[in-house]
Amino acid sequence: MEKITDDLVKYKDYVFAKDLVNAEHIDSLQSFEIRDSDIFLVTYPKSGTIWTQQIITSICESEMGDIYPNNLEMMPWLEYIGKRTDYSLR
């Protein structure tokens, strides 16, 4: 990973927040298995991403009955390393 600034790194022509990613995790997404029930939210920066996450989370909670304390548990950002890196568990 190439350092851009103190907070940003570049890997495979993409820029990431330094403390939230590593090369192994980004490479592991190449073999990410997509299921029919998966929902992907893809937005431009500053275009209402969190607001749209909340709408999708509310819809899914009413259909599945699950309650999640925050958006990131329901809709993690795949490129960032989070508490749960094994997405096949859900």
PDB file of N, CA and C in Angstrom:
ATOM      1  N   MET A   1       0.841  -1.169   0.000  1.00  0.00           N
ATOM      2  CA  MET A   1       0.000   0.000   0.000  1.00  0.00           C
ATOM      3  C   MET A   1       0.893   1.240   0.000  1.00  0.00           C
ATOM      4  N   GLU A   2       0.551   2.148  -0.851  1.00  0.00           N
ATOM      5  CA  GLU A   2       1.319   3.379  -1.005  1.00  0.00           C
ATOM      6  C   GLU A   2       0.700   4.492  -0.153  1.00  0.00           C
ATOM      7  N   LYS A   3       1.512   5.122   0.661  1.00  0.00           N
ATOM      8  CA  LYS A   3       1.038   6.203   1.521  1.00  0.00           C
ATOM      9  C   LYS A   3       0.802   7.462   0.690  1.00  0.00           C
ATOM     10  N   ILE A   4      -0.397   8.024   0.824  1.00  0.00           N
ATOM     11  CA  ILE A   4      -0.746   9.268   0.127  1.00  0.00           C
ATOM     12  C   ILE A   4      -0.566  10.446   1.089  1.00  0.00           C
ATOM     13  N   THR A   5      -1.216  10.366   2.236  1.00  0.00           N
ATOM     14  CA  THR A   5      -1.073  11.357   3.304  1.00  0.00           C
ATOM     15  C   THR A   5      -0.940  10.578   4.609  1.00  0.00           C
ATOM     16  N   ASP A   6      -0.959  11.266   5.726  1.00  0.00           N
ATOM     17  CA  ASP A   6      -0.897  10.566   7.013  1.00  0.00           C
ATOM     18  C   ASP A   6      -2.125   9.686   7.244  1.00  0.00           C
ATOM     19  N   ASP A   7      -3.244  10.020   6.611  1.00  0.00           N
ATOM     20  CA  ASP A   7      -4.494   9.295   6.849  1.00  0.00           C
ATOM     21  C   ASP A   7      -4.957   8.437   5.681  1.00  0.00           C
ATOM     22  N   LEU A   8      -4.352   8.587   4.513  1.00  0.00           N
ATOM     23  CA  LEU A   8      -4.816   7.885   3.316  1.00  0.00           C
ATOM     24  C   LEU A   8      -3.723   7.030   2.703  1.00  0.00           C
ATOM     25  N   VAL A   9      -4.144   5.892   2.120  1.00  0.00           N
ATOM     26  CA  VAL A   9      -3.231   5.012   1.394  1.00  0.00           C
ATOM     27  C   VAL A   9      -3.866   4.665   0.052  1.00  0.00           C
ATOM     28  N   LYS A  10      -3.017   4.325  -0.913  1.00  0.00           N
ATOM     29  CA  LYS A  10      -3.488   3.942  -2.233  1.00  0.00           C
ATOM     30  C   LYS A  10      -3.130   2.487  -2.468  1.00  0.00           C
ATOM     31  N   TYR A  11      -4.103   1.709  -2.946  1.00  0.00           N
ATOM     32  CA  TYR A  11      -3.869   0.299  -3.245  1.00  0.00           C
ATOM     33  C   TYR A  11      -4.665  -0.048  -4.496  1.00  0.00           C
ATOM     34  N   LYS A  12      -3.998  -0.540  -5.510  1.00  0.00           N
ATOM     35  CA  LYS A  12      -4.618  -0.897  -6.790  1.00  0.00           C
ATOM     36  C   LYS A  12      -5.434   0.266  -7.352  1.00  0.00           C
ATOM     37  N   ASP A  13      -4.858   1.429  -7.349  1.00  0.00           N
ATOM     38  CA  ASP A  13      -5.459   2.657  -7.891  1.00  0.00           C
ATOM     39  C   ASP A  13      -6.685   3.152  -7.127  1.00  0.00           C
ATOM     40  N   TYR A  14      -6.925   2.662  -5.930  1.00  0.00           N
ATOM     41  CA  TYR A  14      -8.019   3.142  -5.086  1.00  0.00           C
ATOM     42  C   TYR A  14      -7.447   3.738  -3.808  1.00  0.00           C
ATOM     43  N   VAL A  15      -8.090   4.756  -3.292  1.00  0.00           N
ATOM     44  CA  VAL A  15      -7.629   5.430  -2.080  1.00  0.00           C
ATOM     45  C   VAL A  15      -8.524   5.024  -0.918  1.00  0.00           C
ATOM     46  N   PHE A  16      -7.897   4.653   0.209  1.00  0.00           N
ATOM     47  CA  PHE A  16      -8.605   4.190   1.398  1.00  0.00           C
ATOM     48  C   PHE A  16      -8.116   4.929   2.632  1.00  0.00           C
ATOM     49  N   ALA A  17      -8.935   4.922   3.666  1.00  0.00           N
ATOM     50  CA  ALA A  17      -8.504   5.429   4.964  1.00  0.00           C
ATOM     51  C   ALA A  17      -7.472   4.454   5.521  1.00  0.00           C
ATOM     52  N   LYS A  18      -6.331   4.954   5.945  1.00  0.00           N
ATOM     53  CA  LYS A  18      -5.176   4.127   6.324  1.00  0.00           C
ATOM     54  C   LYS A  18      -5.480   3.099   7.407  1.00  0.00           C
ATOM     55  N   ASP A  19      -6.141   3.492   8.465  1.00  0.00           N
ATOM     56  CA  ASP A  19      -6.326   2.592   9.602  1.00  0.00           C
ATOM     57  C   ASP A  19      -7.489   1.614   9.438  1.00  0.00           C
ATOM     58  N   LEU A  20      -8.218   1.688   8.332  1.00  0.00           N
ATOM     59  CA  LEU A  20      -9.410   0.866   8.181  1.00  0.00           C
ATOM     60  C   LEU A  20      -9.262  -0.274   7.183  1.00  0.00           C
ATOM     61  N   VAL A  21      -8.139  -0.366   6.498  1.00  0.00           N
ATOM     62  CA  VAL A  21      -7.947  -1.411   5.490  1.00  0.00           C
ATOM     63  C   VAL A  21      -6.547  -1.995   5.564  1.00  0.00           C
ATOM     64  N   ASN A  22      -6.398  -3.159   4.959  1.00  0.00           N
ATOM     65  CA  ASN A  22      -5.072  -3.701   4.694  1.00  0.00           C
ATOM     66  C   ASN A  22      -5.144  -4.455   3.365  1.00  0.00           C
ATOM     67  N   ALA A  23      -4.026  -4.699   2.755  1.00  0.00           N
ATOM     68  CA  ALA A  23      -3.982  -5.303   1.427  1.00  0.00           C
ATOM     69  C   ALA A  23      -4.606  -6.693   1.413  1.00  0.00           C
ATOM     70  N   GLU A  24      -4.389  -7.478   2.446  1.00  0.00           N
ATOM     71  CA  GLU A  24      -4.933  -8.832   2.490  1.00  0.00           C
ATOM     72  C   GLU A  24      -6.461  -8.818   2.477  1.00  0.00           C
ATOM     73  N   HIS A  25      -7.042  -7.892   3.230  1.00  0.00           N
ATOM     74  CA  HIS A  25      -8.500  -7.813   3.274  1.00  0.00           C
ATOM     75  C   HIS A  25      -9.067  -7.404   1.917  1.00  0.00           C
ATOM     76  N   ILE A  26      -8.473  -6.406   1.279  1.00  0.00           N
ATOM     77  CA  ILE A  26      -8.944  -5.973  -0.036  1.00  0.00           C
ATOM     78  C   ILE A  26      -8.825  -7.113  -1.043  1.00  0.00           C
ATOM     79  N   ASP A  27      -7.720  -7.835  -1.021  1.00  0.00           N
ATOM     80  CA  ASP A  27      -7.541  -8.969  -1.928  1.00  0.00           C
ATOM     81  C   ASP A  27      -8.543 -10.082  -1.655  1.00  0.00           C
ATOM     82  N   SER A  28      -8.921 -10.289  -0.397  1.00  0.00           N
ATOM     83  CA  SER A  28      -9.877 -11.348  -0.056  1.00  0.00           C
ATOM     84  C   SER A  28     -11.263 -11.074  -0.628  1.00  0.00           C
ATOM     85  N   LEU A  29     -11.569  -9.825  -0.938  1.00  0.00           N
ATOM     86  CA  LEU A  29     -12.880  -9.502  -1.504  1.00  0.00           C
ATOM     87  C   LEU A  29     -13.045 -10.026  -2.927  1.00  0.00           C
ATOM     88  N   GLN A  30     -11.941 -10.401  -3.564  1.00  0.00           N
ATOM     89  CA  GLN A  30     -12.023 -10.987  -4.898  1.00  0.00           C
ATOM     90  C   GLN A  30     -12.785 -12.306  -4.892  1.00  0.00           C
ATOM     91  N   SER A  31     -12.750 -13.007  -3.774  1.00  0.00           N
ATOM     92  CA  SER A  31     -13.448 -14.293  -3.679  1.00  0.00           C
ATOM     93  C   SER A  31     -14.734 -14.184  -2.855  1.00  0.00           C
ATOM     94  N   PHE A  32     -15.217 -12.968  -2.657  1.00  0.00           N
ATOM     95  CA  PHE A  32     -16.449 -12.738  -1.904  1.00  0.00           C
ATOM     96  C   PHE A  32     -17.621 -13.397  -2.624  1.00  0.00           C
ATOM     97  N   GLU A  33     -18.373 -14.203  -1.906  1.00  0.00           N
ATOM     98  CA  GLU A  33     -19.488 -14.930  -2.490  1.00  0.00           C
ATOM     99  C   GLU A  33     -20.781 -14.144  -2.312  1.00  0.00           C
ATOM    100  N   ILE A  34     -21.401 -13.785  -3.401  1.00  0.00           N
ATOM    101  CA  ILE A  34     -22.639 -13.000  -3.370  1.00  0.00           C
ATOM    102  C   ILE A  34     -23.831 -13.947  -3.394  1.00  0.00           C
ATOM    103  N   ARG A  35     -24.791 -13.688  -2.497  1.00  0.00           N
ATOM    104  CA  ARG A  35     -26.013 -14.495  -2.431  1.00  0.00           C
ATOM    105  C   ARG A  35     -27.182 -13.710  -3.016  1.00  0.00           C
ATOM    106  N   ASP A  36     -28.248 -14.402  -3.360  1.00  0.00           N
ATOM    107  CA  ASP A  36     -29.434 -13.750  -3.909  1.00  0.00           C
ATOM    108  C   ASP A  36     -30.059 -12.776  -2.916  1.00  0.00           C
ATOM    109  N   SER A  37     -29.896 -13.004  -1.634  1.00  0.00           N
ATOM    110  CA  SER A  37     -30.509 -12.159  -0.605  1.00  0.00           C
ATOM    111  C   SER A  37     -29.661 -10.936  -0.239  1.00  0.00           C
ATOM    112  N   ASP A  38     -28.454 -10.828  -0.790  1.00  0.00           N
ATOM    113  CA  ASP A  38     -27.583  -9.688  -0.481  1.00  0.00           C
ATOM    114  C   ASP A  38     -28.121  -8.402  -1.099  1.00  0.00           C
ATOM    115  N   ILE A  39     -27.939  -7.309  -0.370  1.00  0.00           N
ATOM    116  CA  ILE A  39     -28.313  -5.983  -0.843  1.00  0.00           C
ATOM    117  C   ILE A  39     -27.053  -5.132  -0.831  1.00  0.00           C
ATOM    118  N   PHE A  40     -26.762  -4.497  -1.951  1.00  0.00           N
ATOM    119  CA  PHE A  40     -25.601  -3.617  -2.047  1.00  0.00           C
ATOM    120  C   PHE A  40     -26.076  -2.188  -2.219  1.00  0.00           C
ATOM    121  N   LEU A  41     -25.518  -1.296  -1.450  1.00  0.00           N
ATOM    122  CA  LEU A  41     -25.789   0.128  -1.571  1.00  0.00           C
ATOM    123  C   LEU A  41     -24.526   0.770  -2.119  1.00  0.00           C
ATOM    124  N   VAL A  42     -24.622   1.360  -3.292  1.00  0.00           N
ATOM    125  CA  VAL A  42     -23.482   1.996  -3.937  1.00  0.00           C
ATOM    126  C   VAL A  42     -23.861   3.449  -4.198  1.00  0.00           C
ATOM    127  N   THR A  43     -23.098   4.368  -3.614  1.00  0.00           N
ATOM    128  CA  THR A  43     -23.422   5.782  -3.752  1.00  0.00           C
ATOM    129  C   THR A  43     -22.161   6.594  -4.011  1.00  0.00           C
ATOM    130  N   TYR A  44     -22.371   7.799  -4.449  1.00  0.00           N
ATOM    131  CA  TYR A  44     -21.291   8.766  -4.550  1.00  0.00           C
ATOM    132  C   TYR A  44     -21.076   9.387  -3.173  1.00  0.00           C
ATOM    133  N   PRO A  45     -19.877   9.868  -2.892  1.00  0.00           N
ATOM    134  CA  PRO A  45     -19.657  10.546  -1.607  1.00  0.00           C
ATOM    135  C   PRO A  45     -20.594  11.741  -1.443  1.00  0.00           C
ATOM    136  N   LYS A  46     -21.017  11.946  -0.224  1.00  0.00           N
ATOM    137  CA  LYS A  46     -21.859  13.086   0.146  1.00  0.00           C
ATOM    138  C   LYS A  46     -23.191  13.097  -0.611  1.00  0.00           C
ATOM    139  N   SER A  47     -23.746  11.903  -0.867  1.00  0.00           N
ATOM    140  CA  SER A  47     -25.002  11.848  -1.604  1.00  0.00           C
ATOM    141  C   SER A  47     -26.123  11.181  -0.808  1.00  0.00           C
ATOM    142  N   GLY A  48     -25.969  11.115   0.508  1.00  0.00           N
ATOM    143  CA  GLY A  48     -27.019  10.534   1.338  1.00  0.00           C
ATOM    144  C   GLY A  48     -26.832   9.061   1.641  1.00  0.00           C
ATOM    145  N   THR A  49     -25.585   8.606   1.703  1.00  0.00           N
ATOM    146  CA  THR A  49     -25.308   7.188   1.948  1.00  0.00           C
ATOM    147  C   THR A  49     -25.890   6.717   3.276  1.00  0.00           C
ATOM    148  N   ILE A  50     -25.602   7.425   4.353  1.00  0.00           N
ATOM    149  CA  ILE A  50     -26.070   7.008   5.679  1.00  0.00           C
ATOM    150  C   ILE A  50     -27.596   7.067   5.739  1.00  0.00           C
ATOM    151  N   TRP A  51     -28.182   8.084   5.156  1.00  0.00           N
ATOM    152  CA  TRP A  51     -29.628   8.218   5.118  1.00  0.00           C
ATOM    153  C   TRP A  51     -30.250   7.030   4.374  1.00  0.00           C
ATOM    154  N   THR A  52     -29.666   6.653   3.227  1.00  0.00           N
ATOM    155  CA  THR A  52     -30.164   5.518   2.460  1.00  0.00           C
ATOM    156  C   THR A  52     -29.944   4.216   3.215  1.00  0.00           C
ATOM    157  N   GLN A  53     -28.830   4.085   3.928  1.00  0.00           N
ATOM    158  CA  GLN A  53     -28.604   2.902   4.771  1.00  0.00           C
ATOM    159  C   GLN A  53     -29.720   2.766   5.796  1.00  0.00           C
ATOM    160  N   GLN A  54     -30.106   3.868   6.405  1.00  0.00           N
ATOM    161  CA  GLN A  54     -31.148   3.834   7.427  1.00  0.00           C
ATOM    162  C   GLN A  54     -32.487   3.393   6.830  1.00  0.00           C
ATOM    163  N   ILE A  55     -32.803   3.851   5.643  1.00  0.00           N
ATOM    164  CA  ILE A  55     -34.040   3.433   4.982  1.00  0.00           C
ATOM    165  C   ILE A  55     -34.019   1.933   4.710  1.00  0.00           C
ATOM    166  N   ILE A  56     -32.924   1.441   4.141  1.00  0.00           N
ATOM    167  CA  ILE A  56     -32.816   0.011   3.840  1.00  0.00           C
ATOM    168  C   ILE A  56     -32.859  -0.810   5.124  1.00  0.00           C
ATOM    169  N   THR A  57     -32.159  -0.353   6.151  1.00  0.00           N
ATOM    170  CA  THR A  57     -32.167  -1.048   7.444  1.00  0.00           C
ATOM    171  C   THR A  57     -33.591  -1.115   8.003  1.00  0.00           C
ATOM    172  N   SER A  58     -34.330  -0.026   7.923  1.00  0.00           N
ATOM    173  CA  SER A  58     -35.706   0.000   8.431  1.00  0.00           C
ATOM    174  C   SER A  58     -36.597  -0.965   7.658  1.00  0.00           C
ATOM    175  N   ILE A  59     -36.443  -1.025   6.354  1.00  0.00           N
ATOM    176  CA  ILE A  59     -37.229  -1.955   5.548  1.00  0.00           C
ATOM    177  C   ILE A  59     -36.893  -3.393   5.920  1.00  0.00           C
ATOM    178  N   CYS A  60     -35.602  -3.700   6.020  1.00  0.00           N
ATOM    179  CA  CYS A  60     -35.184  -5.069   6.343  1.00  0.00           C
ATOM    180  C   CYS A  60     -35.591  -5.476   7.747  1.00  0.00           C
ATOM    181  N   GLU A  61     -35.539  -4.559   8.696  1.00  0.00           N
ATOM    182  CA  GLU A  61     -35.961  -4.876  10.058  1.00  0.00           C
ATOM    183  C   GLU A  61     -37.441  -5.219  10.104  1.00  0.00           C
ATOM    184  N   SER A  62     -38.258  -4.514   9.355  1.00  0.00           N
ATOM    185  CA  SER A  62     -39.690  -4.798   9.374  1.00  0.00           C
ATOM    186  C   SER A  62     -39.995  -6.125   8.698  1.00  0.00           C
ATOM    187  N   GLU A  63     -39.180  -6.526   7.719  1.00  0.00           N
ATOM    188  CA  GLU A  63     -39.397  -7.798   7.031  1.00  0.00           C
ATOM    189  C   GLU A  63     -38.807  -8.975   7.797  1.00  0.00           C
ATOM    190  N   MET A  64     -37.643  -8.790   8.421  1.00  0.00           N
ATOM    191  CA  MET A  64     -36.946  -9.893   9.081  1.00  0.00           C
ATOM    192  C   MET A  64     -37.176  -9.928  10.582  1.00  0.00           C
ATOM    193  N   GLY A  65     -37.602  -8.817  11.154  1.00  0.00           N
ATOM    194  CA  GLY A  65     -37.826  -8.775  12.593  1.00  0.00           C
ATOM    195  C   GLY A  65     -36.558  -8.586  13.410  1.00  0.00           C
ATOM    196  N   ASP A  66     -35.404  -8.467  12.763  1.00  0.00           N
ATOM    197  CA  ASP A  66     -34.148  -8.265  13.489  1.00  0.00           C
ATOM    198  C   ASP A  66     -33.976  -6.792  13.838  1.00  0.00           C
ATOM    199  N   ILE A  67     -33.412  -6.530  14.991  1.00  0.00           N
ATOM    200  CA  ILE A  67     -33.124  -5.161  15.402  1.00  0.00           C
ATOM    201  C   ILE A  67     -31.611  -5.007  15.480  1.00  0.00           C
ATOM    202  N   TYR A  68     -31.079  -4.001  14.805  1.00  0.00           N
ATOM    203  CA  TYR A  68     -29.650  -3.736  14.811  1.00  0.00           C
ATOM    204  C   TYR A  68     -29.412  -2.382  15.460  1.00  0.00           C
ATOM    205  N   PRO A  69     -28.439  -2.285  16.353  1.00  0.00           N
ATOM    206  CA  PRO A  69     -28.186  -1.020  17.034  1.00  0.00           C
ATOM    207  C   PRO A  69     -27.697   0.101  16.121  1.00  0.00           C
ATOM    208  N   ASN A  70     -27.038  -0.245  15.013  1.00  0.00           N
ATOM    209  CA  ASN A  70     -26.571   0.803  14.105  1.00  0.00           C
ATOM    210  C   ASN A  70     -26.469   0.282  12.682  1.00  0.00           C
ATOM    211  N   ASN A  71     -26.331   1.200  11.752  1.00  0.00           N
ATOM    212  CA  ASN A  71     -26.292   0.853  10.330  1.00  0.00           C
ATOM    213  C   ASN A  71     -25.113  -0.040   9.966  1.00  0.00           C
ATOM    214  N   LEU A  72     -23.956   0.180  10.576  1.00  0.00           N
ATOM    215  CA  LEU A  72     -22.767  -0.581  10.182  1.00  0.00           C
ATOM    216  C   LEU A  72     -22.855  -2.058  10.523  1.00  0.00           C
ATOM    217  N   GLU A  73     -23.647  -2.431  11.517  1.00  0.00           N
ATOM    218  CA  GLU A  73     -23.825  -3.851  11.808  1.00  0.00           C
ATOM    219  C   GLU A  73     -24.716  -4.500  10.762  1.00  0.00           C
ATOM    220  N   MET A  74     -25.701  -3.780  10.296  1.00  0.00           N
ATOM    221  CA  MET A  74     -26.611  -4.308   9.286  1.00  0.00           C
ATOM    222  C   MET A  74     -26.005  -4.221   7.889  1.00  0.00           C
ATOM    223  N   MET A  75     -25.330  -3.116   7.605  1.00  0.00           N
ATOM    224  CA  MET A  75     -24.781  -2.862   6.270  1.00  0.00           C
ATOM    225  C   MET A  75     -23.320  -2.429   6.374  1.00  0.00           C
ATOM    226  N   PRO A  76     -22.428  -3.365   6.656  1.00  0.00           N
ATOM    227  CA  PRO A  76     -21.012  -2.990   6.781  1.00  0.00           C
ATOM    228  C   PRO A  76     -20.435  -2.570   5.436  1.00  0.00           C
ATOM    229  N   TRP A  77     -19.440  -1.735   5.491  1.00  0.00           N
ATOM    230  CA  TRP A  77     -18.730  -1.336   4.281  1.00  0.00           C
ATOM    231  C   TRP A  77     -17.701  -2.423   4.001  1.00  0.00           C
ATOM    232  N   LEU A  78     -17.864  -3.142   2.917  1.00  0.00           N
ATOM    233  CA  LEU A  78     -17.040  -4.322   2.647  1.00  0.00           C
ATOM    234  C   LEU A  78     -15.552  -4.022   2.603  1.00  0.00           C
ATOM    235  N   GLU A  79     -15.188  -2.851   2.108  1.00  0.00           N
ATOM    236  CA  GLU A  79     -13.765  -2.563   1.951  1.00  0.00           C
ATOM    237  C   GLU A  79     -13.076  -2.250   3.267  1.00  0.00           C
ATOM    238  N   TYR A  80     -13.845  -1.947   4.312  1.00  0.00           N
ATOM    239  CA  TYR A  80     -13.243  -1.611   5.596  1.00  0.00           C
ATOM    240  C   TYR A  80     -13.304  -2.784   6.559  1.00  0.00           C
ATOM    241  N   ILE A  81     -12.232  -2.969   7.283  1.00  0.00           N
ATOM    242  CA  ILE A  81     -12.175  -4.037   8.270  1.00  0.00           C
ATOM    243  C   ILE A  81     -13.042  -3.617   9.455  1.00  0.00           C
ATOM    244  N   GLY A  82     -13.966  -4.456   9.803  1.00  0.00           N
ATOM    245  CA  GLY A  82     -14.861  -4.139  10.916  1.00  0.00           C
ATOM    246  C   GLY A  82     -14.765  -5.186  11.995  1.00  0.00           C
ATOM    247  N   LYS A  83     -15.748  -5.195  12.858  1.00  0.00           N
ATOM    248  CA  LYS A  83     -15.782  -6.183  13.944  1.00  0.00           C
ATOM    249  C   LYS A  83     -15.950  -7.586  13.368  1.00  0.00           C
ATOM    250  N   ARG A  84     -16.782  -7.718  12.337  1.00  0.00           N
ATOM    251  CA  ARG A  84     -17.044  -9.025  11.758  1.00  0.00           C
ATOM    252  C   ARG A  84     -16.551  -9.028  10.313  1.00  0.00           C
ATOM    253  N   THR A  85     -15.517  -9.776  10.033  1.00  0.00           N
ATOM    254  CA  THR A  85     -14.974  -9.821   8.673  1.00  0.00           C
ATOM    255  C   THR A  85     -15.478 -11.041   7.898  1.00  0.00           C
ATOM    256  N   ASP A  86     -16.176 -11.958   8.567  1.00  0.00           N
ATOM    257  CA  ASP A  86     -16.719 -13.126   7.873  1.00  0.00           C
ATOM    258  C   ASP A  86     -18.188 -12.862   7.541  1.00  0.00           C
ATOM    259  N   TYR A  87     -18.434 -12.383   6.322  1.00  0.00           N
ATOM    260  CA  TYR A  87     -19.782 -12.017   5.928  1.00  0.00           C
ATOM    261  C   TYR A  87     -20.646 -13.237   5.590  1.00  0.00           C
ATOM    262  N   SER A  88     -20.078 -14.405   5.543  1.00  0.00           N
ATOM    263  CA  SER A  88     -20.854 -15.608   5.244  1.00  0.00           C
ATOM    264  C   SER A  88     -21.713 -16.045   6.430  1.00  0.00           C
ATOM    265  N   LEU A  89     -21.510 -15.440   7.604  1.00  0.00           N
ATOM    266  CA  LEU A  89     -22.269 -15.833   8.780  1.00  0.00           C
ATOM    267  C   LEU A  89     -23.704 -15.308   8.769  1.00  0.00           C
ATOM    268  N   ARG A  90     -23.999 -14.354   7.974  1.00  0.00           N
ATOM    269  CA  ARG A  90     -25.327 -13.736   7.982  1.00  0.00           C
ATOM    270  C   ARG A  90     -26.168 -14.237   6.871  1.00  0.00           C
TER     271      ARG A  90
END
